[in-house]
């Protein structure tokens, strides 16, 4: 079974293409026009072992908001398409990831219901030229279009870059765990309802 997807999403604000392979090796090709976002997407690919290509053209002359949010939306659409009917997946995934003084926990459920609980007390508003508020916009766009429940908690940290990076690394690892195929559950939907 090949769990791949390619999604192109065009609006008056952004033109975005995402291609992914959930069963990849972490290869990536990223060009969103937002260097810090590319750095975070690289964390998802490498730690999630997802082959990921993202090309985005957005209205960066205004700011990075639409590009970051719409990249999250398009990635969510691609993950939903690639995961398919969810037969045989583990469904739940979690990860704790440290980086020096920072520690974050991410828990994901391929529930079919979008939900985001994000508690990251960033210690400053900007990481270079990247507005940390856009992190929430990225993940909100993702959950709404992937149909997942996502809990993100930064448990400690004083360096905003480290806080953000631990979140994206933990997200990649949690996604990898939840999307992983479980041989013992082959062909079954991991829900008492019989559908997700």
Protein backbone atom coordinates (compact mmCIF):
# COMPACT_ATOMS: atom_id res chain seq x y z
CA UNK A 1 0.00 0.00 0.00
CA UNK A 2 1.35 3.39 -1.00
CA UNK A 3 0.35 6.16 1.37
CA UNK A 4 1.18 9.23 -0.66
CA UNK A 5 -0.66 12.38 -1.61
CA UNK A 6 -0.16 15.53 -3.59
CA UNK A 7 -2.39 18.54 -3.00
CA UNK A 8 -2.37 21.89 -4.76
CA UNK A 9 -4.35 24.67 -3.12
CA UNK A 10 -4.71 28.04 -4.81
CA UNK A 11 -6.37 31.11 -3.32
CA UNK A 12 -6.10 34.82 -4.00
CA UNK A 13 -3.54 34.97 -1.16
CA UNK A 14 -1.43 31.83 -1.65
CA UNK A 15 -0.54 29.11 -4.13
CA UNK A 16 0.68 26.00 -2.31
CA UNK A 17 1.65 22.48 -3.38
CA UNK A 18 2.34 19.74 -0.84
CA UNK A 19 3.50 16.24 -1.76
CA UNK A 20 4.17 13.64 0.90
CA UNK A 21 4.86 9.99 1.55
CA UNK A 22 3.86 8.87 5.04
CA UNK A 23 6.17 5.87 4.75
CA UNK A 24 9.25 7.77 3.67
CA UNK A 25 12.71 8.31 5.06
CA UNK A 26 12.60 12.03 5.92
CA UNK A 27 13.64 13.44 2.55
CA UNK A 28 12.43 16.97 2.03
CA UNK A 29 12.33 19.80 -0.46
CA UNK A 30 10.95 22.96 1.10
CA UNK A 31 10.45 26.45 -0.29
CA UNK A 32 7.72 28.48 1.39
CA UNK A 33 9.42 31.87 1.28
CA UNK A 34 9.41 31.83 5.10
CA UNK A 35 12.81 30.46 6.16
CA UNK A 36 11.83 29.65 9.75
CA UNK A 37 8.75 27.74 8.52
CA UNK A 38 11.00 25.74 6.19
CA UNK A 39 13.19 24.93 9.20
CA UNK A 40 10.15 23.70 11.16
CA UNK A 41 8.79 21.66 8.24
CA UNK A 42 12.22 20.04 8.00
CA UNK A 43 11.76 18.89 11.62
CA UNK A 44 8.43 17.25 10.72
CA UNK A 45 9.96 15.43 7.75
CA UNK A 46 13.11 14.24 9.49
CA UNK A 47 11.59 13.23 12.81
CA UNK A 48 8.36 11.92 11.31
CA UNK A 49 10.19 9.99 8.56
CA UNK A 50 7.83 11.63 6.10
CA UNK A 51 9.07 12.48 2.62
CA UNK A 52 7.82 16.03 2.18
CA UNK A 53 7.81 18.59 -0.60
CA UNK A 54 6.30 22.01 -0.02
CA UNK A 55 6.27 24.86 -2.51
CA UNK A 56 4.45 28.03 -1.52
CA UNK A 57 4.01 31.46 -3.02
CA UNK A 58 2.17 33.85 -0.75
CA UNK A 59 1.48 37.50 -0.09
CA UNK A 60 4.64 37.97 1.95
CA UNK A 61 4.62 41.68 1.13
CA UNK A 62 1.81 41.84 3.72
CA UNK A 63 3.21 39.34 6.22
CA UNK A 64 3.71 35.60 6.62
CA UNK A 65 0.28 34.86 8.13
CA UNK A 66 -1.51 33.54 5.05
CA UNK A 67 1.48 31.52 3.87
CA UNK A 68 1.98 29.80 7.22
CA UNK A 69 -1.72 29.13 7.85
CA UNK A 70 -2.38 27.90 4.32
CA UNK A 71 0.68 25.64 4.43
CA UNK A 72 -0.82 24.04 7.55
CA UNK A 73 -4.16 23.66 5.77
CA UNK A 74 -2.60 22.08 2.68
CA UNK A 75 -0.42 19.75 4.74
CA UNK A 76 -3.51 18.66 6.67
CA UNK A 77 -5.35 17.94 3.41
CA UNK A 78 -2.40 15.88 2.15
CA UNK A 79 -2.13 13.86 5.37
CA UNK A 80 -5.89 13.14 5.31
CA UNK A 81 -5.67 11.92 1.72
CA UNK A 82 -2.53 9.82 2.33
CA UNK A 83 -3.85 8.16 5.51
CA UNK A 84 -6.93 6.99 3.60
CA UNK A 85 -9.52 4.90 5.44
CA UNK A 86 -7.25 4.53 8.49
CA UNK A 87 -7.44 0.75 8.49
CA UNK A 88 -4.61 -0.79 10.46
CA UNK A 89 -3.09 2.44 11.78
CA UNK A 90 -2.12 2.87 15.41
CA UNK A 91 -4.38 5.97 15.54
CA UNK A 92 -2.74 7.52 18.61
CA UNK A 93 0.75 8.94 18.82
CA UNK A 94 2.71 10.89 21.39
CA UNK A 95 6.20 12.24 21.89
CA UNK A 96 8.24 14.19 24.38
CA UNK A 97 11.17 16.06 22.85
CA UNK A 98 13.83 18.11 24.67
CA UNK A 99 16.20 20.67 23.24
CA UNK A 100 18.58 22.01 25.85
CA UNK A 101 16.35 23.73 28.44
CA UNK A 102 13.11 23.30 26.47
CA UNK A 103 10.76 20.31 26.64
CA UNK A 104 7.54 19.78 24.69
CA UNK A 105 4.90 17.08 24.55
CA UNK A 106 2.63 16.41 21.55
CA UNK A 107 -0.24 13.91 21.47
CA UNK A 108 -2.25 13.18 18.32
CA UNK A 109 -5.40 11.16 17.60
CA UNK A 110 -6.58 10.39 14.07
CA UNK A 111 -10.11 10.69 15.46
CA UNK A 112 -11.79 12.22 12.42
CA UNK A 113 -12.66 15.18 14.66
CA UNK A 114 -10.60 18.37 14.41
CA UNK A 115 -9.48 19.75 17.74
CA UNK A 116 -6.48 21.72 18.92
CA UNK A 117 -5.31 22.31 22.47
CA UNK A 118 -2.09 24.32 22.27
CA UNK A 119 -0.34 25.61 25.36
CA UNK A 120 3.00 27.13 24.47
CA UNK A 121 4.02 30.12 26.62
CA UNK A 122 6.55 31.57 24.19
CA UNK A 123 9.10 33.71 25.97
CA UNK A 124 9.17 36.28 23.19
CA UNK A 125 6.88 37.33 20.34
CA UNK A 126 9.33 36.96 17.47
CA UNK A 127 11.89 34.36 16.48
CA UNK A 128 13.98 36.40 14.09
CA UNK A 129 11.32 37.70 11.69
CA UNK A 130 8.85 34.89 12.50
CA UNK A 131 5.79 35.84 14.59
CA UNK A 132 5.26 33.01 17.12
CA UNK A 133 1.45 33.47 16.89
CA UNK A 134 1.68 31.86 13.46
CA UNK A 135 2.60 28.54 15.09
CA UNK A 136 -0.97 28.23 16.38
CA UNK A 137 -2.35 29.24 12.97
CA UNK A 138 -0.29 26.52 11.29
CA UNK A 139 -1.51 23.78 13.61
CA UNK A 140 -5.12 25.01 13.59
CA UNK A 141 -5.12 24.85 9.80
CA UNK A 142 -3.59 21.38 9.96
CA UNK A 143 -6.08 19.85 12.42
CA UNK A 144 -9.10 21.34 10.69
CA UNK A 145 -8.15 19.69 7.40
CA UNK A 146 -6.47 16.49 8.62
CA UNK A 147 -9.37 15.71 10.95
CA UNK A 148 -7.17 15.02 13.97
CA UNK A 149 -7.21 15.93 17.63
CA UNK A 150 -3.90 17.49 18.63
CA UNK A 151 -2.61 18.44 22.08
CA UNK A 152 0.57 20.50 22.19
CA UNK A 153 2.22 21.47 25.46
CA UNK A 154 5.54 23.18 25.99
CA UNK A 155 6.39 22.02 29.50
CA UNK A 156 9.39 24.28 29.97
CA UNK A 157 11.76 26.52 28.07
CA UNK A 158 13.31 29.95 28.08
CA UNK A 159 14.51 30.16 24.47
CA UNK A 160 11.61 30.69 22.05
CA UNK A 161 13.46 29.03 19.17
CA UNK A 162 14.01 25.94 21.31
CA UNK A 163 10.38 25.96 22.45
CA UNK A 164 9.11 26.06 18.88
CA UNK A 165 11.58 23.51 17.57
CA UNK A 166 10.70 20.98 20.28
CA UNK A 167 7.03 21.38 19.35
CA UNK A 168 7.64 20.61 15.67
CA UNK A 169 10.02 17.74 16.39
CA UNK A 170 7.55 16.19 18.84
CA UNK A 171 4.74 16.69 16.32
CA UNK A 172 6.73 14.82 13.67
CA UNK A 173 7.42 11.91 16.01
CA UNK A 174 3.82 11.74 17.27
CA UNK A 175 2.51 11.83 13.69
CA UNK A 176 4.86 9.01 12.75
CA UNK A 177 3.65 6.86 15.65
CA UNK A 178 -0.06 7.48 15.02
CA UNK A 179 0.14 6.88 11.27
CA UNK A 180 2.25 3.74 11.63
CA UNK A 181 0.66 0.51 10.44
CA UNK A 182 0.16 -2.10 13.15
CA UNK A 183 0.43 -5.65 11.77
CA UNK A 184 -1.82 -6.99 14.52
CA UNK A 185 -4.56 -4.55 13.54
CA UNK A 186 -4.27 -5.09 9.79
CA UNK A 187 -7.49 -4.29 7.96
CA UNK A 188 -9.36 -3.05 11.04
CA UNK A 189 -10.45 0.44 12.01
CA UNK A 190 -9.10 1.34 15.48
CA UNK A 191 -12.47 2.43 16.85
CA UNK A 192 -15.45 0.74 18.52
CA UNK A 193 -17.62 2.72 16.10
CA UNK A 194 -16.07 0.91 13.15
CA UNK A 195 -15.17 4.18 11.45
CA UNK A 196 -13.05 7.25 12.04
